[in-house]
Amino acid sequence: MTNAIQKLNDTFRKTFSGGRVMLTLGINTKPSNEIAEIIRKVKQFNNFTTANDPYEEHDFGSFDYKGQKITFKIDYYDKSLRYLSNDPADESQTVRVMTIMTAAEY
């Protein structure tokens, strides 16, 4: 199951297709060119380690941007977005929500 979740998360993160992307205030108030650069870095992120990805789902990452730590986190919700998904590997019952934020907002 982890392999399926990892693949779905990688596809979502790289394309922003198949879920929702949320930007926190700390990201959304940056100039548009910086937001675009942060989004590009999220899409290209591939530095998953046992420290930041212990379950090998590729659902969390962080990187430095202009001296500030930026993180992203993918959570799994049911189709109503009210509850957590019972099966994150099943696209028919899961909506992925990725939040991109400053580390201070995590």
Protein backbone atom coordinates (compact mmCIF):
# COMPACT_ATOMS: atom_id res chain seq x y z
CA MET A 1 0.00 0.00 0.00
CA THR A 2 2.87 2.42 0.78
CA ASN A 3 4.10 2.17 -2.82
CA ALA A 4 0.67 3.18 -4.14
CA ILE A 5 0.43 6.11 -1.72
CA GLN A 6 3.96 7.25 -2.60
CA LYS A 7 3.18 7.15 -6.32
CA LEU A 8 -0.08 9.10 -5.87
CA ASN A 9 1.67 11.67 -3.67
CA ASP A 10 4.54 12.11 -6.13
CA THR A 11 2.14 12.60 -9.03
CA PHE A 12 0.07 15.09 -7.07
CA ARG A 13 3.10 17.03 -5.83
CA LYS A 14 4.69 17.22 -9.28
CA THR A 15 1.52 18.17 -11.19
CA PHE A 16 -0.83 19.65 -8.56
CA SER A 17 -3.47 17.45 -10.21
CA GLY A 18 -5.64 15.09 -8.18
CA GLY A 19 -6.09 17.18 -5.07
CA ARG A 20 -6.06 20.64 -3.56
CA VAL A 21 -3.13 22.91 -2.83
CA MET A 22 -3.29 25.39 0.01
CA LEU A 23 -0.84 28.24 0.59
CA THR A 24 -0.60 29.63 4.10
CA LEU A 25 -0.49 33.33 4.83
CA GLY A 26 3.29 33.15 5.17
CA ILE A 27 3.56 31.96 1.57
CA ASN A 28 0.59 33.75 0.03
CA THR A 29 1.80 37.21 1.10
CA LYS A 30 5.11 36.85 -0.73
CA PRO A 31 5.55 38.49 -4.14
CA SER A 32 4.12 36.44 -7.01
CA ASN A 33 7.56 35.65 -8.46
CA GLU A 34 8.66 34.18 -5.10
CA ILE A 35 5.45 32.14 -4.80
CA ALA A 36 6.10 30.76 -8.29
CA GLU A 37 9.68 29.84 -7.31
CA ILE A 38 8.53 28.11 -4.11
CA ILE A 39 5.91 26.15 -6.07
CA ARG A 40 8.57 25.12 -8.58
CA LYS A 41 10.79 23.91 -5.74
CA VAL A 42 7.93 21.88 -4.23
CA LYS A 43 7.21 20.26 -7.59
CA GLN A 44 10.89 19.39 -8.08
CA PHE A 45 11.53 18.27 -4.50
CA ASN A 46 13.06 14.81 -4.31
CA ASN A 47 15.16 14.87 -1.13
CA PHE A 48 13.17 12.31 0.84
CA THR A 49 15.07 10.71 3.70
CA THR A 50 14.22 8.51 6.65
CA ALA A 51 14.24 11.66 8.79
CA ASN A 52 11.57 13.51 6.80
CA ASP A 53 9.80 10.50 5.26
CA PRO A 54 9.80 7.66 7.81
CA TYR A 55 6.77 5.92 6.24
CA GLU A 56 8.10 6.35 2.68
CA GLU A 57 4.88 8.03 1.51
CA HIS A 58 6.56 11.22 0.19
CA ASP A 59 3.95 13.25 2.06
CA PHE A 60 6.28 15.81 3.66
CA GLY A 61 9.32 17.80 2.64
CA SER A 62 11.22 20.96 3.46
CA PHE A 63 13.83 23.16 1.87
CA ASP A 64 15.50 26.52 2.39
CA TYR A 65 14.32 29.49 0.39
CA LYS A 66 16.11 32.80 0.83
CA GLY A 67 17.13 31.86 4.37
CA GLN A 68 13.65 30.68 5.35
CA LYS A 69 12.62 27.07 5.78
CA ILE A 70 9.62 26.13 3.61
CA THR A 71 7.67 22.92 4.20
CA PHE A 72 4.91 21.06 2.44
CA LYS A 73 2.61 18.41 3.88
CA ILE A 74 0.09 16.18 2.12
CA ASP A 75 -2.93 15.03 4.13
CA TYR A 76 -5.62 12.55 3.09
CA TYR A 77 -9.32 13.36 3.44
CA ASP A 78 -12.56 11.71 2.46
CA LYS A 79 -14.43 13.12 -0.55
CA SER A 80 -16.45 15.48 1.68
CA LEU A 81 -13.20 16.91 3.14
CA ARG A 82 -14.71 16.45 6.61
CA TYR A 83 -12.86 13.36 7.80
CA LEU A 84 -9.58 11.61 7.21
CA SER A 85 -9.60 9.07 4.39
CA ASN A 86 -10.00 5.43 5.35
CA ASP A 87 -7.68 4.39 2.52
CA PRO A 88 -5.19 6.97 1.15
CA ALA A 89 -4.19 4.50 -1.58
CA ASP A 90 -7.73 4.55 -3.01
CA GLU A 91 -8.27 7.59 -5.22
CA SER A 92 -12.01 6.94 -5.39
CA GLN A 93 -12.39 7.78 -1.69
CA THR A 94 -9.48 10.15 -1.06
CA VAL A 95 -8.81 13.83 -1.69
CA ARG A 96 -5.21 14.87 -1.23
CA VAL A 97 -4.65 18.30 0.31
CA MET A 98 -1.15 19.72 0.21
CA THR A 99 -0.34 22.68 2.42
CA ILE A 100 2.71 24.75 1.55
CA MET A 101 3.91 26.85 4.47
CA THR A 102 6.81 28.39 6.28
CA ALA A 103 8.30 26.15 8.97
CA ALA A 104 7.18 28.68 11.57
CA GLU A 105 3.57 28.01 10.55
CA TYR A 106 3.84 24.22 10.88
